Amino acid sequence: MCGGCGKLLYLTGNRRFRRFFLLVLPVFWGVSILGHSVFSRVNGLNIYREARGGYEPNFLGFLLICLMIWFTVSLLYRFEIVGVATSKD
């Protein structure tokens, strides 16, 4: 229900799959790659792996990457098309 006018609102679902594949997935991969590259360089948030010969995020860095992904993807789900219901059903 709209707080200003009192009309019933609903989510239409138009272009939901297109938005997921063209917006959400690229942002998910971009943020995860960006977070991995940033946190693998920060001391205290990385660990050196001798087998690979490089650094990677530790558990705290992983949690921060997950938080970054959750925050950005949840912001993207606000772009939903809202319709006004004509009947109460």
N, C-alpha and C. Protein backbone atom coordinates (compact mmCIF):
# COMPACT_ATOMS: atom_id res chain seq x y z
N MET A 1 0.84 -1.17 0.00
CA MET A 1 0.00 0.00 0.00
C MET A 1 0.89 1.23 0.00
N CYS A 2 0.54 2.17 -0.84
CA CYS A 2 1.31 3.42 -0.93
C CYS A 2 1.06 4.25 0.32
N GLY A 3 2.14 4.78 0.89
CA GLY A 3 2.00 5.59 2.09
C GLY A 3 1.39 6.96 1.83
N GLY A 4 1.53 7.47 0.61
CA GLY A 4 1.02 8.81 0.31
C GLY A 4 -0.43 8.83 -0.13
N CYS A 5 -0.79 7.93 -1.08
CA CYS A 5 -2.14 7.99 -1.66
C CYS A 5 -3.02 6.83 -1.22
N GLY A 6 -2.47 5.77 -0.64
CA GLY A 6 -3.25 4.66 -0.14
C GLY A 6 -3.63 3.62 -1.19
N LYS A 7 -3.10 3.71 -2.41
CA LYS A 7 -3.41 2.73 -3.46
C LYS A 7 -2.59 1.47 -3.25
N LEU A 8 -3.14 0.35 -3.72
CA LEU A 8 -2.45 -0.93 -3.61
C LEU A 8 -1.42 -1.05 -4.72
N LEU A 9 -0.20 -1.45 -4.37
CA LEU A 9 0.89 -1.58 -5.31
C LEU A 9 1.32 -3.04 -5.39
N TYR A 10 1.91 -3.43 -6.53
CA TYR A 10 2.44 -4.78 -6.69
C TYR A 10 3.65 -4.73 -7.61
N LEU A 11 4.50 -5.75 -7.50
CA LEU A 11 5.68 -5.87 -8.36
C LEU A 11 5.27 -6.60 -9.63
N THR A 12 5.49 -5.99 -10.78
CA THR A 12 5.02 -6.56 -12.04
C THR A 12 5.87 -7.73 -12.51
N GLY A 13 7.15 -7.74 -12.26
CA GLY A 13 8.02 -8.82 -12.70
C GLY A 13 8.47 -8.65 -14.14
N ASN A 14 8.15 -7.52 -14.76
CA ASN A 14 8.58 -7.28 -16.14
C ASN A 14 10.09 -7.13 -16.20
N ARG A 15 10.70 -7.78 -17.16
CA ARG A 15 12.14 -7.72 -17.43
C ARG A 15 12.99 -8.18 -16.26
N ARG A 16 12.47 -9.06 -15.41
CA ARG A 16 13.21 -9.53 -14.25
C ARG A 16 14.39 -10.42 -14.64
N PHE A 17 14.16 -11.35 -15.58
CA PHE A 17 15.24 -12.25 -16.00
C PHE A 17 16.31 -11.51 -16.79
N ARG A 18 15.89 -10.58 -17.62
CA ARG A 18 16.86 -9.79 -18.39
C ARG A 18 17.72 -8.95 -17.46
N ARG A 19 17.10 -8.36 -16.46
CA ARG A 19 17.85 -7.55 -15.50
C ARG A 19 18.82 -8.42 -14.70
N PHE A 20 18.40 -9.66 -14.38
CA PHE A 20 19.28 -10.55 -13.63
C PHE A 20 20.52 -10.90 -14.44
N PHE A 21 20.34 -11.30 -15.71
CA PHE A 21 21.48 -11.75 -16.51
C PHE A 21 22.32 -10.61 -17.06
N LEU A 22 21.73 -9.44 -17.28
CA LEU A 22 22.49 -8.33 -17.86
C LEU A 22 22.99 -7.32 -16.84
N LEU A 23 22.46 -7.37 -15.61
CA LEU A 23 22.89 -6.39 -14.61
C LEU A 23 23.42 -7.06 -13.34
N VAL A 24 22.66 -7.97 -12.78
CA VAL A 24 23.03 -8.53 -11.48
C VAL A 24 24.24 -9.46 -11.59
N LEU A 25 24.25 -10.38 -12.54
CA LEU A 25 25.39 -11.29 -12.66
C LEU A 25 26.70 -10.59 -12.99
N PRO A 26 26.74 -9.64 -13.95
CA PRO A 26 28.01 -8.94 -14.18
C PRO A 26 28.48 -8.14 -12.97
N VAL A 27 27.54 -7.52 -12.24
CA VAL A 27 27.93 -6.78 -11.04
C VAL A 27 28.43 -7.73 -9.96
N PHE A 28 27.79 -8.89 -9.82
CA PHE A 28 28.24 -9.90 -8.86
C PHE A 28 29.67 -10.31 -9.15
N TRP A 29 29.96 -10.67 -10.40
CA TRP A 29 31.32 -11.10 -10.76
C TRP A 29 32.32 -9.95 -10.65
N GLY A 30 31.92 -8.76 -11.05
CA GLY A 30 32.82 -7.61 -10.97
C GLY A 30 33.19 -7.27 -9.54
N VAL A 31 32.20 -7.26 -8.64
CA VAL A 31 32.48 -6.94 -7.24
C VAL A 31 33.31 -8.05 -6.59
N SER A 32 33.03 -9.30 -6.94
CA SER A 32 33.82 -10.37 -6.33
C SER A 32 35.27 -10.34 -6.82
N ILE A 33 35.50 -10.07 -8.09
CA ILE A 33 36.87 -9.97 -8.61
C ILE A 33 37.57 -8.75 -8.03
N LEU A 34 36.87 -7.63 -7.94
CA LEU A 34 37.44 -6.42 -7.35
C LEU A 34 37.78 -6.64 -5.88
N GLY A 35 36.87 -7.26 -5.14
CA GLY A 35 37.13 -7.54 -3.72
C GLY A 35 38.30 -8.48 -3.53
N HIS A 36 38.40 -9.49 -4.38
CA HIS A 36 39.52 -10.43 -4.28
C HIS A 36 40.84 -9.72 -4.57
N SER A 37 40.86 -8.87 -5.58
CA SER A 37 42.11 -8.18 -5.92
C SER A 37 42.50 -7.15 -4.85
N VAL A 38 41.52 -6.52 -4.23
CA VAL A 38 41.83 -5.53 -3.20
C VAL A 38 42.27 -6.21 -1.90
N PHE A 39 41.49 -7.20 -1.44
CA PHE A 39 41.77 -7.81 -0.15
C PHE A 39 42.95 -8.77 -0.19
N SER A 40 43.37 -9.18 -1.36
CA SER A 40 44.57 -10.02 -1.41
C SER A 40 45.84 -9.18 -1.28
N ARG A 41 45.70 -7.87 -1.33
CA ARG A 41 46.86 -6.98 -1.17
C ARG A 41 46.92 -6.29 0.20
N VAL A 42 45.88 -6.41 1.00
CA VAL A 42 45.82 -5.75 2.31
C VAL A 42 46.39 -6.68 3.37
N ASN A 43 47.38 -6.20 4.09
CA ASN A 43 47.97 -7.00 5.17
C ASN A 43 46.94 -7.21 6.27
N GLY A 44 46.88 -8.41 6.78
CA GLY A 44 45.90 -8.75 7.80
C GLY A 44 44.63 -9.35 7.22
N LEU A 45 44.38 -9.13 5.94
CA LEU A 45 43.21 -9.70 5.27
C LEU A 45 43.61 -10.70 4.20
N ASN A 46 44.90 -11.07 4.16
CA ASN A 46 45.35 -12.02 3.15
C ASN A 46 46.23 -13.09 3.78
N ILE A 47 46.48 -14.12 3.01
CA ILE A 47 47.34 -15.21 3.42
C ILE A 47 48.15 -15.64 2.20
N TYR A 48 49.41 -16.00 2.44
CA TYR A 48 50.28 -16.41 1.34
C TYR A 48 50.16 -17.92 1.13
N ARG A 49 49.93 -18.33 -0.10
CA ARG A 49 49.85 -19.75 -0.45
C ARG A 49 51.08 -20.13 -1.25
N GLU A 50 51.92 -20.99 -0.66
CA GLU A 50 53.16 -21.36 -1.34
C GLU A 50 52.91 -22.18 -2.59
N ALA A 51 51.90 -23.01 -2.59
CA ALA A 51 51.63 -23.85 -3.75
C ALA A 51 51.29 -23.01 -4.98
N ARG A 52 50.57 -21.94 -4.77
CA ARG A 52 50.21 -21.05 -5.88
C ARG A 52 51.21 -19.94 -6.10
N GLY A 53 51.98 -19.65 -5.08
CA GLY A 53 52.96 -18.59 -5.19
C GLY A 53 52.35 -17.21 -5.14
N GLY A 54 51.27 -17.04 -4.42
CA GLY A 54 50.63 -15.73 -4.34
C GLY A 54 49.76 -15.61 -3.11
N TYR A 55 49.16 -14.44 -2.99
CA TYR A 55 48.31 -14.14 -1.85
C TYR A 55 46.84 -14.32 -2.22
N GLU A 56 46.05 -14.64 -1.21
CA GLU A 56 44.60 -14.69 -1.39
C GLU A 56 43.96 -14.25 -0.08
N PRO A 57 42.71 -13.78 -0.11
CA PRO A 57 42.06 -13.31 1.11
C PRO A 57 41.88 -14.43 2.13
N ASN A 58 42.02 -14.08 3.40
CA ASN A 58 41.76 -15.05 4.46
C ASN A 58 40.26 -15.03 4.77
N PHE A 59 39.87 -15.65 5.89
CA PHE A 59 38.44 -15.77 6.19
C PHE A 59 37.79 -14.41 6.40
N LEU A 60 38.47 -13.50 7.09
CA LEU A 60 37.90 -12.17 7.30
C LEU A 60 37.77 -11.42 5.98
N GLY A 61 38.76 -11.55 5.12
CA GLY A 61 38.67 -10.94 3.80
C GLY A 61 37.53 -11.53 2.99
N PHE A 62 37.33 -12.84 3.10
CA PHE A 62 36.22 -13.51 2.42
C PHE A 62 34.88 -12.97 2.92
N LEU A 63 34.75 -12.79 4.23
CA LEU A 63 33.51 -12.25 4.79
C LEU A 63 33.26 -10.82 4.30
N LEU A 64 34.32 -10.03 4.20
CA LEU A 64 34.16 -8.66 3.69
C LEU A 64 33.76 -8.66 2.22
N ILE A 65 34.30 -9.58 1.44
CA ILE A 65 33.90 -9.69 0.03
C ILE A 65 32.43 -10.08 -0.07
N CYS A 66 32.00 -11.04 0.76
CA CYS A 66 30.59 -11.44 0.76
C CYS A 66 29.69 -10.27 1.16
N LEU A 67 30.12 -9.47 2.12
CA LEU A 67 29.35 -8.30 2.52
C LEU A 67 29.25 -7.29 1.39
N MET A 68 30.34 -7.08 0.67
CA MET A 68 30.32 -6.17 -0.48
C MET A 68 29.36 -6.67 -1.56
N ILE A 69 29.41 -7.96 -1.84
CA ILE A 69 28.52 -8.54 -2.86
C ILE A 69 27.06 -8.41 -2.43
N TRP A 70 26.77 -8.75 -1.18
CA TRP A 70 25.39 -8.67 -0.68
C TRP A 70 24.87 -7.23 -0.75
N PHE A 71 25.69 -6.28 -0.36
CA PHE A 71 25.27 -4.88 -0.35
C PHE A 71 24.96 -4.38 -1.76
N THR A 72 25.84 -4.64 -2.71
CA THR A 72 25.62 -4.12 -4.06
C THR A 72 24.46 -4.83 -4.76
N VAL A 73 24.35 -6.15 -4.60
CA VAL A 73 23.24 -6.87 -5.24
C VAL A 73 21.91 -6.48 -4.62
N SER A 74 21.86 -6.27 -3.32
CA SER A 74 20.61 -5.85 -2.69
C SER A 74 20.21 -4.45 -3.15
N LEU A 75 21.17 -3.60 -3.43
CA LEU A 75 20.84 -2.29 -3.99
C LEU A 75 20.28 -2.41 -5.41
N LEU A 76 20.78 -3.37 -6.17
CA LEU A 76 20.28 -3.54 -7.53
C LEU A 76 18.85 -4.05 -7.57
N TYR A 77 18.42 -4.80 -6.56
CA TYR A 77 17.06 -5.32 -6.56
C TYR A 77 16.03 -4.25 -6.23
N ARG A 78 16.46 -3.05 -5.97
CA ARG A 78 15.51 -1.95 -5.78
C ARG A 78 14.97 -1.43 -7.11
N PHE A 79 15.61 -1.80 -8.21
CA PHE A 79 15.16 -1.38 -9.54
C PHE A 79 14.08 -2.35 -10.01
N GLU A 80 12.94 -2.33 -9.41
CA GLU A 80 11.83 -3.21 -9.75
C GLU A 80 10.69 -2.35 -10.26
N ILE A 81 9.98 -2.84 -11.26
CA ILE A 81 8.86 -2.11 -11.83
C ILE A 81 7.64 -2.35 -10.96
N VAL A 82 7.05 -1.26 -10.48
CA VAL A 82 5.91 -1.33 -9.56
C VAL A 82 4.66 -0.89 -10.32
N GLY A 83 3.58 -1.66 -10.17
CA GLY A 83 2.30 -1.34 -10.80
C GLY A 83 1.26 -1.01 -9.74
N VAL A 84 0.20 -0.34 -10.19
CA VAL A 84 -0.90 0.00 -9.29
C VAL A 84 -2.02 -1.00 -9.53
N ALA A 85 -2.49 -1.65 -8.47
CA ALA A 85 -3.55 -2.65 -8.58
C ALA A 85 -4.87 -1.97 -8.83
N THR A 86 -5.66 -2.55 -9.74
CA THR A 86 -6.98 -1.99 -10.03
C THR A 86 -8.06 -2.58 -9.15
N SER A 87 -7.85 -3.80 -8.64
CA SER A 87 -8.81 -4.41 -7.72
C SER A 87 -8.05 -4.95 -6.50
N LYS A 88 -8.77 -5.26 -5.46
CA LYS A 88 -8.13 -5.73 -4.22
C LYS A 88 -7.72 -7.18 -4.31
N ASP A 89 -8.07 -7.91 -5.35
CA ASP A 89 -7.69 -9.32 -5.53
C ASP A 89 -6.37 -9.35 -6.19
